[in-house]
Protein backbone atom coordinates (compact mmCIF):
# COMPACT_ATOMS: atom_id res chain seq x y z
CA MET A 1 0.00 0.00 0.00
CA HIS A 2 1.27 3.45 -0.90
CA ILE A 3 0.20 6.58 0.95
CA PHE A 4 0.54 10.18 -0.17
CA ILE A 5 -0.47 12.68 2.50
CA GLY A 6 -0.51 16.45 2.74
CA GLY A 7 -2.71 19.45 3.30
CA ALA A 8 -5.66 20.34 1.12
CA TYR A 9 -4.64 21.61 -2.32
CA ASN A 10 -0.95 20.84 -1.78
CA GLY A 11 -0.48 18.97 -5.07
CA LYS A 12 -1.02 15.40 -3.90
CA THR A 13 -3.23 14.25 -6.78
CA GLU A 14 -1.05 15.79 -9.47
CA TYR A 15 2.04 14.22 -7.91
CA VAL A 16 0.35 10.79 -7.83
CA ARG A 17 -0.75 11.15 -11.47
CA ARG A 18 2.87 11.78 -12.49
CA TRP A 19 4.12 8.97 -10.24
CA ILE A 20 1.67 6.44 -11.73
CA GLY A 21 2.32 7.52 -15.31
CA ASP A 22 0.67 5.26 -17.90
CA GLN A 23 -0.25 2.45 -15.51
CA PRO A 24 -3.96 1.54 -15.57
CA SER A 25 -5.43 3.28 -12.54
CA PHE A 26 -8.84 4.11 -11.16
CA PHE A 27 -9.07 7.34 -9.16
CA CYS A 28 -11.98 6.89 -6.75
CA THR A 29 -13.39 7.23 -3.27
CA MET A 30 -14.39 4.44 -0.90
CA GLU A 31 -17.91 4.68 -2.31
CA THR A 32 -16.83 4.18 -5.93
CA ALA A 33 -13.86 1.80 -5.48
CA GLY A 34 -15.99 -1.21 -6.45
CA SER A 35 -16.38 0.20 -9.98
CA ALA A 36 -12.73 -0.34 -10.91
CA ALA A 37 -12.03 -2.53 -13.93
CA PRO A 38 -9.93 -5.65 -13.45
CA GLY A 39 -6.24 -4.78 -13.50
CA GLU A 40 -6.72 -1.15 -12.55
CA ARG A 41 -4.81 0.12 -9.55
CA LEU A 42 -7.07 1.76 -6.98
CA VAL A 43 -6.18 5.34 -6.09
CA ILE A 44 -8.48 6.21 -3.20
CA SER A 45 -8.92 9.78 -1.98
CA ASP A 46 -11.27 11.69 0.32
CA LEU A 47 -11.02 9.10 3.10
CA HIS A 48 -11.74 11.80 5.69
CA ASP A 49 -15.03 12.65 3.93
CA TRP A 50 -15.99 8.98 3.87
CA LEU A 51 -15.19 8.66 7.59
CA GLN A 52 -17.41 11.65 8.29
CA SER A 53 -20.37 10.21 6.37
CA THR A 54 -20.14 6.52 7.20
CA SER A 55 -22.01 4.93 10.07
CA LEU A 56 -19.30 2.28 10.45
CA SER A 57 -17.30 2.09 13.67
CA GLU A 58 -13.56 2.72 13.56
CA SER A 59 -12.77 -1.00 13.47
CA GLU A 60 -15.42 -1.61 10.80
CA SER A 61 -14.02 1.27 8.75
CA LEU A 62 -10.51 -0.19 8.92
CA HIS A 63 -11.89 -3.61 7.95
CA ALA A 64 -13.71 -2.12 4.94
CA ILE A 65 -10.50 -0.41 3.81
CA ARG A 66 -8.48 -3.61 4.20
CA GLU A 67 -11.07 -5.57 2.20
CA ILE A 68 -10.76 -3.40 -0.90
CA SER A 69 -7.07 -2.56 -0.75
CA SER A 70 -4.11 -4.52 -2.07
CA PRO A 71 -0.34 -3.98 -1.97
CA ASP A 72 -0.70 -1.76 -5.07
CA THR A 73 -3.47 0.42 -3.68
CA VAL A 74 -2.67 4.13 -3.39
CA PHE A 75 -4.28 6.36 -0.78
CA ILE A 76 -4.27 10.13 -1.16
CA LEU A 77 -4.92 11.38 2.36
CA THR A 78 -5.64 14.91 3.50
CA GLU A 79 -3.86 15.90 6.68
CA VAL A 80 -6.53 16.99 9.14
CA GLY A 81 -4.64 16.81 12.44
CA ARG A 82 -2.54 19.94 12.14
CA GLY A 83 -3.52 23.52 12.67
CA ILE A 84 -6.30 24.96 14.73
CA VAL A 85 -8.29 22.58 16.93
CA PRO A 86 -11.90 22.65 15.72
CA LEU A 87 -14.43 24.18 18.10
CA GLY A 88 -17.19 21.72 17.23
CA SER A 89 -17.13 18.31 18.90
CA GLU A 90 -18.07 16.54 15.64
CA GLN A 91 -15.07 18.02 13.83
CA ARG A 92 -12.77 17.18 16.75
CA ASP A 93 -14.12 13.61 16.73
CA LEU A 94 -13.51 13.34 12.98
CA ARG A 95 -9.96 14.59 13.40
CA ASP A 96 -9.34 12.03 16.14
CA ARG A 97 -10.89 9.18 14.12
CA CYS A 98 -8.79 10.12 11.09
CA GLY A 99 -5.67 10.18 13.23
CA ARG A 100 -6.27 6.72 14.63
CA LEU A 101 -7.18 5.27 11.23
CA TYR A 102 -4.21 6.91 9.53
CA GLN A 103 -1.92 5.40 12.19
CA GLN A 104 -3.17 1.93 11.29
CA LEU A 105 -2.77 2.56 7.56
CA PHE A 106 0.71 4.04 8.04
CA ALA A 107 1.80 0.95 9.99
CA GLU A 108 0.69 -1.29 7.11
CA ALA A 109 1.89 0.90 4.24
CA THR A 110 5.05 0.06 2.33
CA ASP A 111 5.62 3.67 1.25
CA ILE A 112 4.51 6.99 2.68
CA ILE A 113 5.23 10.28 0.92
CA ARG A 114 4.26 13.64 2.38
CA ILE A 115 3.48 16.26 -0.24
CA TRP A 116 3.96 19.82 0.91
CA TYR A 117 3.09 22.38 -1.76
CA GLY A 118 4.07 19.95 -4.50
CA ILE A 119 7.36 18.90 -2.92
CA PRO A 120 7.63 15.24 -1.88
CA GLN A 121 9.21 14.12 1.38
CA THR A 122 9.68 10.40 2.03
CA ILE A 123 8.38 9.40 5.43
CA LYS A 124 8.61 5.62 5.00
CA ARG A 125 10.05 3.49 2.24
CA SER A 126 9.91 -0.28 2.48
CA GLY A 127 9.74 -1.06 -1.22
CA LEU A 128 10.82 0.55 -4.44
CA LEU A 129 8.68 3.43 -5.68
């Protein structure tokens, strides 16, 4: 599993498009991941939005992610744990849930790249990119 993480509008998707190149890929969300054609690599984004809208528990959410992902799956994650602490309890809860889920995904990922304004920084590299 490959993870690309950074702030909103920091160039993550464009970086991933260049990184993937001509490989058959399906850019999707958790809701649309099942529509990928055979042989297409899943590139899943907007996980924080899915976590906000799903009624699944944290463990059920992680299980759902594990069920659809493979070693080639790419996650484009938006960093939501930095900056100002939200005033609303729902937004604080979402931030906390994202943080715990991201920790699990990071532990399982082979590669993690942080994108900061289009510039990549390797956080973890277990395999060849």
